[in-house]
Amino acid sequence: MITLALSKGRIFDETLPLLAAAGIEVLEDPEKSRKLIFATTQPDVQVVLVRASDVPTYVQYGGADLGVTGKDTLLEHGGDGLFQPLDLQIAKCRVSVAVRNDFDYAQAVKRGARLRVATKYPLIAREFFARKGVHVDLIKLYGSMELAPLTGLADAIVDLVSTGNTLRANHLQEVEHIIDISSHLVVNQAALKLKQKRLRHIIDVFAAGVAKNS
Protein backbone atom coordinates (compact mmCIF):
# COMPACT_ATOMS: atom_id res chain seq x y z
CA MET A 1 0.00 0.00 0.00
CA ILE A 2 1.18 3.51 -0.89
CA THR A 3 0.05 6.20 1.56
CA LEU A 4 0.01 9.86 0.51
CA ALA A 5 -0.30 12.58 3.18
CA LEU A 6 -2.16 15.75 2.21
CA SER A 7 -3.77 18.64 4.04
CA LYS A 8 -7.17 20.15 3.28
CA GLY A 9 -7.49 23.31 1.26
CA ARG A 10 -5.38 24.63 -1.61
CA ILE A 11 -2.72 21.93 -1.39
CA PHE A 12 -5.31 19.15 -1.60
CA ASP A 13 -7.21 20.82 -4.44
CA GLU A 14 -4.13 21.67 -6.49
CA THR A 15 -2.59 18.20 -6.03
CA LEU A 16 -5.66 16.49 -7.54
CA PRO A 17 -4.73 17.19 -11.20
CA LEU A 18 -1.25 15.74 -10.62
CA LEU A 19 -2.78 12.64 -9.05
CA ALA A 20 -5.24 12.33 -11.93
CA ALA A 21 -2.33 12.32 -14.38
CA ALA A 22 -0.97 9.32 -12.45
CA GLY A 23 -4.36 7.59 -12.73
CA ILE A 24 -5.18 8.25 -9.07
CA GLU A 25 -8.49 9.80 -8.05
CA VAL A 26 -9.72 10.20 -4.49
CA LEU A 27 -13.11 8.47 -4.20
CA GLU A 28 -14.70 10.91 -1.73
CA ASP A 29 -14.73 14.64 -1.16
CA PRO A 30 -12.97 15.30 2.16
CA GLU A 31 -15.04 18.46 2.62
CA LYS A 32 -18.15 16.27 2.85
CA SER A 33 -16.72 13.52 5.03
CA ARG A 34 -15.37 13.13 8.53
CA LYS A 35 -12.99 10.42 7.38
CA LEU A 36 -9.24 10.93 7.62
CA ILE A 37 -8.20 8.05 5.33
CA PHE A 38 -9.55 7.95 1.78
CA ALA A 39 -9.46 5.20 -0.81
CA THR A 40 -8.58 6.01 -4.41
CA THR A 41 -9.22 4.49 -7.82
CA GLN A 42 -5.91 2.65 -7.37
CA PRO A 43 -6.46 -0.14 -4.80
CA ASP A 44 -2.86 0.12 -3.62
CA VAL A 45 -2.95 3.91 -3.01
CA GLN A 46 -4.66 5.72 -0.15
CA VAL A 47 -4.71 9.36 0.95
CA VAL A 48 -4.51 10.42 4.60
CA LEU A 49 -5.60 13.91 5.64
CA VAL A 50 -3.40 15.52 8.27
CA ARG A 51 -2.72 19.01 9.54
CA ALA A 52 -0.46 20.88 7.10
CA SER A 53 2.31 21.26 9.67
CA ASP A 54 2.25 17.50 10.37
CA VAL A 55 2.82 16.28 6.79
CA PRO A 56 6.66 16.18 7.04
CA THR A 57 6.45 14.34 10.37
CA TYR A 58 4.11 11.66 9.00
CA VAL A 59 6.40 11.12 6.01
CA GLN A 60 9.63 11.22 8.02
CA TYR A 61 8.49 8.58 10.49
CA GLY A 62 6.70 6.33 8.01
CA GLY A 63 3.09 7.21 8.76
CA ALA A 64 2.95 8.05 5.05
CA ASP A 65 5.20 7.11 2.14
CA LEU A 66 5.01 10.52 0.51
CA GLY A 67 3.29 13.84 1.01
CA VAL A 68 2.78 17.33 -0.33
CA THR A 69 3.68 20.24 1.91
CA GLY A 70 4.57 23.91 1.69
CA LYS A 71 8.14 25.14 1.69
CA ASP A 72 7.27 27.17 4.80
CA THR A 73 6.46 23.97 6.69
CA LEU A 74 9.65 22.29 5.45
CA LEU A 75 11.79 25.24 6.57
CA GLU A 76 10.28 25.04 10.05
CA HIS A 77 10.46 21.24 10.19
CA GLY A 78 14.02 21.06 8.94
CA GLY A 79 13.48 18.37 6.31
CA ASP A 80 15.58 15.75 8.14
CA GLY A 81 15.08 12.22 6.83
CA LEU A 82 13.04 13.41 3.85
CA PHE A 83 13.76 13.02 0.14
CA GLN A 84 12.53 16.18 -1.59
CA PRO A 85 12.51 15.41 -5.31
CA LEU A 86 10.15 18.10 -6.61
CA ASP A 87 8.96 21.65 -6.22
CA LEU A 88 5.41 21.13 -7.50
CA GLN A 89 4.87 24.86 -8.13
CA ILE A 90 1.38 24.74 -6.61
CA ALA A 91 -0.36 26.58 -3.74
CA LYS A 92 1.93 29.55 -4.27
CA CYS A 93 2.09 32.37 -1.73
CA ARG A 94 4.75 34.17 0.28
CA VAL A 95 5.93 34.68 3.84
CA SER A 96 5.91 38.38 4.73
CA VAL A 97 6.10 40.83 7.60
CA ALA A 98 2.91 42.81 8.23
CA VAL A 99 2.03 45.59 10.69
CA ARG A 100 -0.86 47.90 11.51
CA ASN A 101 -1.37 50.65 8.94
CA ASP A 102 -0.47 53.27 11.56
CA PHE A 103 2.73 51.56 12.75
CA ASP A 104 6.00 53.12 11.50
CA TYR A 105 7.84 49.88 10.77
CA ALA A 106 10.71 51.49 8.86
CA GLN A 107 11.46 53.87 11.72
CA ALA A 108 11.18 51.10 14.34
CA VAL A 109 13.64 48.90 12.47
CA LYS A 110 15.97 51.80 11.73
CA ARG A 111 16.04 52.76 15.39
CA GLY A 112 17.07 49.23 16.27
CA ALA A 113 14.12 48.91 18.63
CA ARG A 114 13.23 45.50 19.96
CA LEU A 115 10.15 44.26 18.10
CA ARG A 116 7.52 41.85 19.34
CA VAL A 117 6.67 39.56 16.45
CA ALA A 118 3.82 37.05 16.42
CA THR A 119 4.16 34.09 14.06
CA LYS A 120 3.66 30.41 13.51
CA TYR A 121 7.06 30.40 11.78
CA PRO A 122 9.59 31.21 14.53
CA LEU A 123 12.61 29.77 12.71
CA ILE A 124 11.93 31.71 9.51
CA ALA A 125 11.21 34.90 11.46
CA ARG A 126 14.23 34.61 13.76
CA GLU A 127 16.61 34.04 10.84
CA PHE A 128 15.14 36.89 8.80
CA PHE A 129 15.38 39.49 11.57
CA ALA A 130 18.83 38.23 12.63
CA ARG A 131 20.10 38.93 9.10
CA LYS A 132 18.73 42.46 9.42
CA GLY A 133 20.34 42.91 12.83
CA VAL A 134 16.95 43.52 14.45
CA HIS A 135 16.25 42.19 17.94
CA VAL A 136 12.89 40.45 18.23
CA ASP A 137 10.80 38.80 20.90
CA LEU A 138 8.91 36.02 19.14
CA ILE A 139 5.39 35.04 20.17
CA LYS A 140 4.25 31.66 18.81
CA LEU A 141 0.65 31.63 17.61
CA TYR A 142 -1.26 29.02 15.64
CA GLY A 143 -4.07 31.04 14.09
CA SER A 144 -5.78 34.43 13.67
CA MET A 145 -2.38 36.04 13.32
CA GLU A 146 -3.94 39.37 12.30
CA LEU A 147 -5.33 39.86 15.80
CA ALA A 148 -1.89 40.17 17.38
CA PRO A 149 -1.07 43.72 16.18
CA LEU A 150 -4.68 44.86 16.58
CA THR A 151 -4.80 43.88 20.26
CA GLY A 152 -1.30 45.13 21.10
CA LEU A 153 0.04 41.60 21.58
CA ALA A 154 2.71 42.22 18.95
CA ASP A 155 4.17 45.01 16.83
CA ALA A 156 4.33 42.86 13.72
CA ILE A 157 3.42 39.44 12.36
CA VAL A 158 5.26 37.05 10.08
CA ASP A 159 2.71 35.03 8.15
CA LEU A 160 1.69 33.58 4.81
CA VAL A 161 0.24 36.10 2.37
CA SER A 162 -1.58 35.20 -0.82
CA THR A 163 -3.81 38.03 -2.07
CA GLY A 164 -3.34 40.33 0.91
CA ASN A 165 -7.12 40.75 1.24
CA THR A 166 -7.20 39.49 4.84
CA LEU A 167 -4.50 41.96 5.84
CA ARG A 168 -6.32 44.88 4.25
CA ALA A 169 -9.63 43.85 5.80
CA ASN A 170 -7.96 44.03 9.21
CA HIS A 171 -6.17 47.36 8.61
CA LEU A 172 -2.77 45.75 8.24
CA GLN A 173 -0.15 46.22 5.55
CA GLU A 174 2.61 44.02 4.16
CA VAL A 175 5.94 45.76 4.79
CA GLU A 176 8.59 43.16 3.91
CA HIS A 177 8.68 40.10 1.71
CA ILE A 178 10.71 37.27 3.24
CA ILE A 179 10.42 34.30 0.90
CA ASP A 180 8.25 32.89 -1.89
CA ILE A 181 6.46 29.66 -1.02
CA SER A 182 5.18 26.77 -3.10
CA SER A 183 4.39 23.17 -2.25
CA HIS A 184 6.94 20.35 -2.50
CA LEU A 185 6.71 16.59 -2.82
CA VAL A 186 8.43 14.81 0.05
CA VAL A 187 9.14 11.09 0.21
CA ASN A 188 10.11 8.74 3.04
CA GLN A 189 13.64 7.53 2.30
CA ALA A 190 13.03 3.94 3.45
CA ALA A 191 9.83 3.70 1.41
CA LEU A 192 11.69 4.91 -1.65
CA LYS A 193 13.91 1.83 -1.41
CA LEU A 194 11.20 -0.67 -0.48
CA LYS A 195 8.54 0.60 -2.91
CA GLN A 196 10.85 2.12 -5.48
CA LYS A 197 9.03 1.17 -8.69
CA ARG A 198 5.61 2.44 -7.59
CA LEU A 199 6.90 5.62 -5.98
CA ARG A 200 9.22 6.41 -8.87
CA HIS A 201 6.26 6.20 -11.26
CA ILE A 202 4.30 8.73 -9.19
CA ILE A 203 7.32 11.03 -8.89
CA ASP A 204 7.94 10.86 -12.65
CA VAL A 205 4.29 11.63 -13.49
CA PHE A 206 4.29 14.57 -11.08
CA ALA A 207 7.54 15.85 -12.61
CA ALA A 208 6.03 15.67 -16.09
CA GLY A 209 2.97 17.58 -14.87
CA VAL A 210 5.14 20.31 -13.35
CA ALA A 211 7.19 20.59 -16.54
CA LYS A 212 4.04 20.81 -18.63
CA ASN A 213 2.60 23.62 -16.53
CA SER A 214 5.80 25.65 -16.19
C-alpha atoms as a PDB file:
ATOM      1  CA  MET A   1       0.000   0.000   0.000  1.00  0.00           C
ATOM      2  CA  ILE A   2       1.183   3.515  -0.888  1.00  0.00           C
ATOM      3  CA  THR A   3       0.046   6.202   1.561  1.00  0.00           C
ATOM      4  CA  LEU A   4       0.013   9.863   0.512  1.00  0.00           C
ATOM      5  CA  ALA A   5      -0.300  12.577   3.176  1.00  0.00           C
ATOM      6  CA  LEU A   6      -2.158  15.746   2.209  1.00  0.00           C
ATOM      7  CA  SER A   7      -3.770  18.642   4.042  1.00  0.00           C
ATOM      8  CA  LYS A   8      -7.173  20.147   3.281  1.00  0.00           C
ATOM      9  CA  GLY A   9      -7.491  23.310   1.256  1.00  0.00           C
ATOM     10  CA  ARG A  10      -5.378  24.634  -1.605  1.00  0.00           C
ATOM     11  CA  ILE A  11      -2.715  21.932  -1.390  1.00  0.00           C
ATOM     12  CA  PHE A  12      -5.308  19.150  -1.604  1.00  0.00           C
ATOM     13  CA  ASP A  13      -7.213  20.825  -4.440  1.00  0.00           C
ATOM     14  CA  GLU A  14      -4.128  21.667  -6.494  1.00  0.00           C
ATOM     15  CA  THR A  15      -2.595  18.202  -6.029  1.00  0.00           C
ATOM     16  CA  LEU A  16      -5.661  16.489  -7.536  1.00  0.00           C
ATOM     17  CA  PRO A  17      -4.729  17.193 -11.202  1.00  0.00           C
ATOM     18  CA  LEU A  18      -1.245  15.738 -10.616  1.00  0.00           C
ATOM     19  CA  LEU A  19      -2.781  12.636  -9.046  1.00  0.00           C
ATOM     20  CA  ALA A  20      -5.241  12.327 -11.933  1.00  0.00           C
ATOM     21  CA  ALA A  21      -2.327  12.320 -14.381  1.00  0.00           C
ATOM     22  CA  ALA A  22      -0.975   9.315 -12.450  1.00  0.00           C
ATOM     23  CA  GLY A  23      -4.364   7.591 -12.728  1.00  0.00           C
ATOM     24  CA  ILE A  24      -5.179   8.249  -9.069  1.00  0.00           C
ATOM     25  CA  GLU A  25      -8.493   9.803  -8.052  1.00  0.00           C
ATOM     26  CA  VAL A  26      -9.723  10.204  -4.488  1.00  0.00           C
ATOM     27  CA  LEU A  27     -13.109   8.473  -4.203  1.00  0.00           C
ATOM     28  CA  GLU A  28     -14.700  10.907  -1.729  1.00  0.00           C
ATOM     29  CA  ASP A  29     -14.728  14.640  -1.159  1.00  0.00           C
ATOM     30  CA  PRO A  30     -12.967  15.298   2.165  1.00  0.00           C
ATOM     31  CA  GLU A  31     -15.040  18.461   2.622  1.00  0.00           C
ATOM     32  CA  LYS A  32     -18.152  16.274   2.847  1.00  0.00           C
ATOM     33  CA  SER A  33     -16.725  13.524   5.027  1.00  0.00           C
ATOM     34  CA  ARG A  34     -15.371  13.127   8.532  1.00  0.00           C
ATOM     35  CA  LYS A  35     -12.994  10.421   7.382  1.00  0.00           C
ATOM     36  CA  LEU A  36      -9.241  10.926   7.623  1.00  0.00           C
ATOM     37  CA  ILE A  37      -8.203   8.055   5.330  1.00  0.00           C
ATOM     38  CA  PHE A  38      -9.548   7.946   1.778  1.00  0.00           C
ATOM     39  CA  ALA A  39      -9.465   5.197  -0.805  1.00  0.00           C
ATOM     40  CA  THR A  40      -8.578   6.010  -4.412  1.00  0.00           C
ATOM     41  CA  THR A  41      -9.215   4.490  -7.821  1.00  0.00           C
ATOM     42  CA  GLN A  42      -5.911   2.645  -7.371  1.00  0.00           C
ATOM     43  CA  PRO A  43      -6.463  -0.140  -4.802  1.00  0.00           C
ATOM     44  CA  ASP A  44      -2.856   0.119  -3.617  1.00  0.00           C
ATOM     45  CA  VAL A  45      -2.947   3.909  -3.014  1.00  0.00           C
ATOM     46  CA  GLN A  46      -4.662   5.718  -0.154  1.00  0.00           C
ATOM     47  CA  VAL A  47      -4.713   9.357   0.952  1.00  0.00           C
ATOM     48  CA  VAL A  48      -4.506  10.425   4.597  1.00  0.00           C
ATOM     49  CA  LEU A  49      -5.603  13.908   5.636  1.00  0.00           C
ATOM     50  CA  VAL A  50      -3.403  15.519   8.267  1.00  0.00           C
ATOM     51  CA  ARG A  51      -2.719  19.012   9.540  1.00  0.00           C
ATOM     52  CA  ALA A  52      -0.456  20.882   7.096  1.00  0.00           C
ATOM     53  CA  SER A  53       2.312  21.262   9.674  1.00  0.00           C
ATOM     54  CA  ASP A  54       2.247  17.503  10.369  1.00  0.00           C
ATOM     55  CA  VAL A  55       2.819  16.285   6.789  1.00  0.00           C
ATOM     56  CA  PRO A  56       6.657  16.178   7.039  1.00  0.00           C
ATOM     57  CA  THR A  57       6.451  14.336  10.374  1.00  0.00           C
ATOM     58  CA  TYR A  58       4.111  11.661   9.001  1.00  0.00           C
ATOM     59  CA  VAL A  59       6.400  11.123   6.013  1.00  0.00           C
ATOM     60  CA  GLN A  60       9.632  11.222   8.019  1.00  0.00           C
ATOM     61  CA  TYR A  61       8.488   8.576  10.493  1.00  0.00           C
ATOM     62  CA  GLY A  62       6.703   6.327   8.012  1.00  0.00           C
ATOM     63  CA  GLY A  63       3.087   7.212   8.756  1.00  0.00           C
ATOM     64  CA  ALA A  64       2.950   8.054   5.047  1.00  0.00           C
ATOM     65  CA  ASP A  65       5.195   7.111   2.140  1.00  0.00           C
ATOM     66  CA  LEU A  66       5.011  10.521   0.514  1.00  0.00           C
ATOM     67  CA  GLY A  67       3.293  13.837   1.009  1.00  0.00           C
ATOM     68  CA  VAL A  68       2.784  17.326  -0.327  1.00  0.00           C
ATOM     69  CA  THR A  69       3.681  20.239   1.914  1.00  0.00           C
ATOM     70  CA  GLY A  70       4.569  23.913   1.689  1.00  0.00           C
ATOM     71  CA  LYS A  71       8.142  25.135   1.693  1.00  0.00           C
ATOM     72  CA  ASP A  72       7.271  27.171   4.800  1.00  0.00           C
ATOM     73  CA  THR A  73       6.461  23.967   6.686  1.00  0.00           C
ATOM     74  CA  LEU A  74       9.652  22.294   5.452  1.00  0.00           C
ATOM     75  CA  LEU A  75      11.788  25.241   6.565  1.00  0.00           C
ATOM     76  CA  GLU A  76      10.280  25.042  10.052  1.00  0.00           C
ATOM     77  CA  HIS A  77      10.462  21.238  10.192  1.00  0.00           C
ATOM     78  CA  GLY A  78      14.020  21.062   8.940  1.00  0.00           C
ATOM     79  CA  GLY A  79      13.482  18.366   6.312  1.00  0.00           C
ATOM     80  CA  ASP A  80      15.580  15.747   8.137  1.00  0.00           C
ATOM     81  CA  GLY A  81      15.078  12.224   6.827  1.00  0.00           C
ATOM     82  CA  LEU A  82      13.036  13.405   3.847  1.00  0.00           C
ATOM     83  CA  PHE A  83      13.762  13.018   0.144  1.00  0.00           C
ATOM     84  CA  GLN A  84      12.528  16.181  -1.590  1.00  0.00           C
ATOM     85  CA  PRO A  85      12.506  15.410  -5.307  1.00  0.00           C
ATOM     86  CA  LEU A  86      10.150  18.102  -6.612  1.00  0.00           C
ATOM     87  CA  ASP A  87       8.957  21.649  -6.217  1.00  0.00           C
ATOM     88  CA  LEU A  88       5.410  21.132  -7.497  1.00  0.00           C
ATOM     89  CA  GLN A  89       4.868  24.861  -8.133  1.00  0.00           C
ATOM     90  CA  ILE A  90       1.380  24.741  -6.610  1.00  0.00           C
ATOM     91  CA  ALA A  91      -0.359  26.577  -3.740  1.00  0.00           C
ATOM     92  CA  LYS A  92       1.933  29.555  -4.268  1.00  0.00           C
ATOM     93  CA  CYS A  93       2.086  32.366  -1.727  1.00  0.00           C
ATOM     94  CA  ARG A  94       4.755  34.172   0.281  1.00  0.00           C
ATOM     95  CA  VAL A  95       5.931  34.682   3.839  1.00  0.00           C
ATOM     96  CA  SER A  96       5.909  38.379   4.729  1.00  0.00           C
ATOM     97  CA  VAL A  97       6.104  40.825   7.596  1.00  0.00           C
ATOM     98  CA  ALA A  98       2.910  42.808   8.228  1.00  0.00           C
ATOM     99  CA  VAL A  99       2.032  45.585  10.686  1.00  0.00           C
ATOM    100  CA  ARG A 100      -0.864  47.904  11.511  1.00  0.00           C
ATOM    101  CA  ASN A 101      -1.374  50.652   8.941  1.00  0.00           C
ATOM    102  CA  ASP A 102      -0.470  53.270  11.557  1.00  0.00           C
ATOM    103  CA  PHE A 103       2.731  51.557  12.749  1.00  0.00           C
ATOM    104  CA  ASP A 104       5.997  53.116  11.503  1.00  0.00           C
ATOM    105  CA  TYR A 105       7.843  49.883  10.771  1.00  0.00           C
ATOM    106  CA  ALA A 106      10.712  51.490   8.865  1.00  0.00           C
ATOM    107  CA  GLN A 107      11.456  53.865  11.724  1.00  0.00           C
ATOM    108  CA  ALA A 108      11.178  51.101  14.342  1.00  0.00           C
ATOM    109  CA  VAL A 109      13.638  48.897  12.465  1.00  0.00           C
ATOM    110  CA  LYS A 110      15.971  51.800  11.729  1.00  0.00           C
ATOM    111  CA  ARG A 111      16.044  52.756  15.392  1.00  0.00           C
ATOM    112  CA  GLY A 112      17.075  49.228  16.271  1.00  0.00           C
ATOM    113  CA  ALA A 113      14.125  48.908  18.627  1.00  0.00           C
ATOM    114  CA  ARG A 114      13.233  45.497  19.964  1.00  0.00           C
ATOM    115  CA  LEU A 115      10.147  44.255  18.104  1.00  0.00           C
ATOM    116  CA  ARG A 116       7.521  41.852  19.341  1.00  0.00           C
ATOM    117  CA  VAL A 117       6.672  39.558  16.451  1.00  0.00           C
ATOM    118  CA  ALA A 118       3.819  37.048  16.419  1.00  0.00           C
ATOM    119  CA  THR A 119       4.159  34.087  14.059  1.00  0.00           C
ATOM    120  CA  LYS A 120       3.655  30.408  13.510  1.00  0.00           C
ATOM    121  CA  TYR A 121       7.058  30.404  11.781  1.00  0.00           C
ATOM    122  CA  PRO A 122       9.592  31.207  14.530  1.00  0.00           C
ATOM    123  CA  LEU A 123      12.614  29.768  12.710  1.00  0.00           C
ATOM    124  CA  ILE A 124      11.925  31.712   9.513  1.00  0.00           C
ATOM    125  CA  ALA A 125      11.207  34.899  11.463  1.00  0.00           C
ATOM    126  CA  ARG A 126      14.230  34.610  13.758  1.00  0.00           C
ATOM    127  CA  GLU A 127      16.612  34.043  10.836  1.00  0.00           C
ATOM    128  CA  PHE A 128      15.138  36.893   8.804  1.00  0.00           C
ATOM    129  CA  PHE A 129      15.384  39.486  11.566  1.00  0.00           C
ATOM    130  CA  ALA A 130      18.828  38.231  12.625  1.00  0.00           C
ATOM    131  CA  ARG A 131      20.099  38.929   9.101  1.00  0.00           C
ATOM    132  CA  LYS A 132      18.730  42.460   9.420  1.00  0.00           C
ATOM    133  CA  GLY A 133      20.337  42.910  12.826  1.00  0.00           C
ATOM    134  CA  VAL A 134      16.948  43.523  14.452  1.00  0.00           C
ATOM    135  CA  HIS A 135      16.254  42.193  17.937  1.00  0.00           C
ATOM    136  CA  VAL A 136      12.894  40.445  18.234  1.00  0.00           C
ATOM    137  CA  ASP A 137      10.801  38.800  20.904  1.00  0.00           C
ATOM    138  CA  LEU A 138       8.912  36.018  19.142  1.00  0.00           C
ATOM    139  CA  ILE A 139       5.395  35.045  20.169  1.00  0.00           C
ATOM    140  CA  LYS A 140       4.254  31.661  18.815  1.00  0.00           C
ATOM    141  CA  LEU A 141       0.651  31.630  17.612  1.00  0.00           C
ATOM    142  CA  TYR A 142      -1.261  29.020  15.638  1.00  0.00           C
ATOM    143  CA  GLY A 143      -4.070  31.037  14.092  1.00  0.00           C
ATOM    144  CA  SER A 144      -5.778  34.427  13.666  1.00  0.00           C
ATOM    145  CA  MET A 145      -2.383  36.039  13.322  1.00  0.00           C
ATOM    146  CA  GLU A 146      -3.942  39.368  12.299  1.00  0.00           C
ATOM    147  CA  LEU A 147      -5.335  39.859  15.801  1.00  0.00           C
ATOM    148  CA  ALA A 148      -1.891  40.173  17.381  1.00  0.00           C
ATOM    149  CA  PRO A 149      -1.066  43.721  16.181  1.00  0.00           C
ATOM    150  CA  LEU A 150      -4.684  44.858  16.576  1.00  0.00           C
ATOM    151  CA  THR A 151      -4.798  43.882  20.261  1.00  0.00           C
ATOM    152  CA  GLY A 152      -1.300  45.126  21.102  1.00  0.00           C
ATOM    153  CA  LEU A 153       0.036  41.600  21.583  1.00  0.00           C
ATOM    154  CA  ALA A 154       2.710  42.216  18.949  1.00  0.00           C
ATOM    155  CA  ASP A 155       4.170  45.011  16.830  1.00  0.00           C
ATOM    156  CA  ALA A 156       4.331  42.860  13.720  1.00  0.00           C
ATOM    157  CA  ILE A 157       3.423  39.445  12.363  1.00  0.00           C
ATOM    158  CA  VAL A 158       5.256  37.053  10.078  1.00  0.00           C
ATOM    159  CA  ASP A 159       2.710  35.027   8.151  1.00  0.00           C
ATOM    160  CA  LEU A 160       1.687  33.576   4.811  1.00  0.00           C
ATOM    161  CA  VAL A 161       0.240  36.098   2.370  1.00  0.00           C
ATOM    162  CA  SER A 162      -1.585  35.203  -0.823  1.00  0.00           C
ATOM    163  CA  THR A 163      -3.805  38.028  -2.073  1.00  0.00           C
ATOM    164  CA  GLY A 164      -3.345  40.327   0.909  1.00  0.00           C
ATOM    165  CA  ASN A 165      -7.122  40.748   1.240  1.00  0.00           C
ATOM    166  CA  THR A 166      -7.204  39.493   4.837  1.00  0.00           C
ATOM    167  CA  LEU A 167      -4.499  41.958   5.838  1.00  0.00           C
ATOM    168  CA  ARG A 168      -6.319  44.877   4.252  1.00  0.00           C
ATOM    169  CA  ALA A 169      -9.635  43.853   5.804  1.00  0.00           C
ATOM    170  CA  ASN A 170      -7.961  44.028   9.210  1.00  0.00           C
ATOM    171  CA  HIS A 171      -6.174  47.363   8.606  1.00  0.00           C
ATOM    172  CA  LEU A 172      -2.766  45.748   8.237  1.00  0.00           C
ATOM    173  CA  GLN A 173      -0.147  46.225   5.550  1.00  0.00           C
ATOM    174  CA  GLU A 174       2.613  44.024   4.159  1.00  0.00           C
ATOM    175  CA  VAL A 175       5.941  45.762   4.788  1.00  0.00           C
ATOM    176  CA  GLU A 176       8.588  43.162   3.914  1.00  0.00           C
ATOM    177  CA  HIS A 177       8.683  40.101   1.708  1.00  0.00           C
ATOM    178  CA  ILE A 178      10.705  37.270   3.244  1.00  0.00           C
ATOM    179  CA  ILE A 179      10.419  34.296   0.902  1.00  0.00           C
ATOM    180  CA  ASP A 180       8.249  32.886  -1.892  1.00  0.00           C
ATOM    181  CA  ILE A 181       6.460  29.662  -1.019  1.00  0.00           C
ATOM    182  CA  SER A 182       5.178  26.766  -3.103  1.00  0.00           C
ATOM    183  CA  SER A 183       4.394  23.165  -2.254  1.00  0.00           C
ATOM    184  CA  HIS A 184       6.940  20.352  -2.502  1.00  0.00           C
ATOM    185  CA  LEU A 185       6.706  16.592  -2.821  1.00  0.00           C
ATOM    186  CA  VAL A 186       8.432  14.807   0.054  1.00  0.00           C
ATOM    187  CA  VAL A 187       9.143  11.085   0.208  1.00  0.00           C
ATOM    188  CA  ASN A 188      10.107   8.742   3.040  1.00  0.00           C
ATOM    189  CA  GLN A 189      13.635   7.531   2.304  1.00  0.00           C
ATOM    190  CA  ALA A 190      13.032   3.944   3.455  1.00  0.00           C
ATOM    191  CA  ALA A 191       9.829   3.703   1.413  1.00  0.00           C
ATOM    192  CA  LEU A 192      11.692   4.912  -1.651  1.00  0.00           C
ATOM    193  CA  LYS A 193      13.909   1.834  -1.407  1.00  0.00           C
ATOM    194  CA  LEU A 194      11.202  -0.667  -0.484  1.00  0.00           C
ATOM    195  CA  LYS A 195       8.540   0.603  -2.907  1.00  0.00           C
ATOM    196  CA  GLN A 196      10.850   2.117  -5.483  1.00  0.00           C
ATOM    197  CA  LYS A 197       9.027   1.171  -8.691  1.00  0.00           C
ATOM    198  CA  ARG A 198       5.608   2.436  -7.588  1.00  0.00           C
ATOM    199  CA  LEU A 199       6.897   5.615  -5.976  1.00  0.00           C
ATOM    200  CA  ARG A 200       9.223   6.405  -8.874  1.00  0.00           C
ATOM    201  CA  HIS A 201       6.259   6.204 -11.259  1.00  0.00           C
ATOM    202  CA  ILE A 202       4.298   8.732  -9.194  1.00  0.00           C
ATOM    203  CA  ILE A 203       7.320  11.033  -8.894  1.00  0.00           C
ATOM    204  CA  ASP A 204       7.943  10.864 -12.653  1.00  0.00           C
ATOM    205  CA  VAL A 205       4.291  11.633 -13.493  1.00  0.00           C
ATOM    206  CA  PHE A 206       4.292  14.569 -11.081  1.00  0.00           C
ATOM    207  CA  ALA A 207       7.541  15.849 -12.614  1.00  0.00           C
ATOM    208  CA  ALA A 208       6.027  15.667 -16.091  1.00  0.00           C
ATOM    209  CA  GLY A 209       2.974  17.583 -14.868  1.00  0.00           C
ATOM    210  CA  VAL A 210       5.138  20.307 -13.351  1.00  0.00           C
ATOM    211  CA  ALA A 211       7.195  20.590 -16.540  1.00  0.00           C
ATOM    212  CA  LYS A 212       4.035  20.811 -18.630  1.00  0.00           C
ATOM    213  CA  ASN A 213       2.600  23.623 -16.528  1.00  0.00           C
ATOM    214  CA  SER A 214       5.797  25.654 -16.191  1.00  0.00           C
END
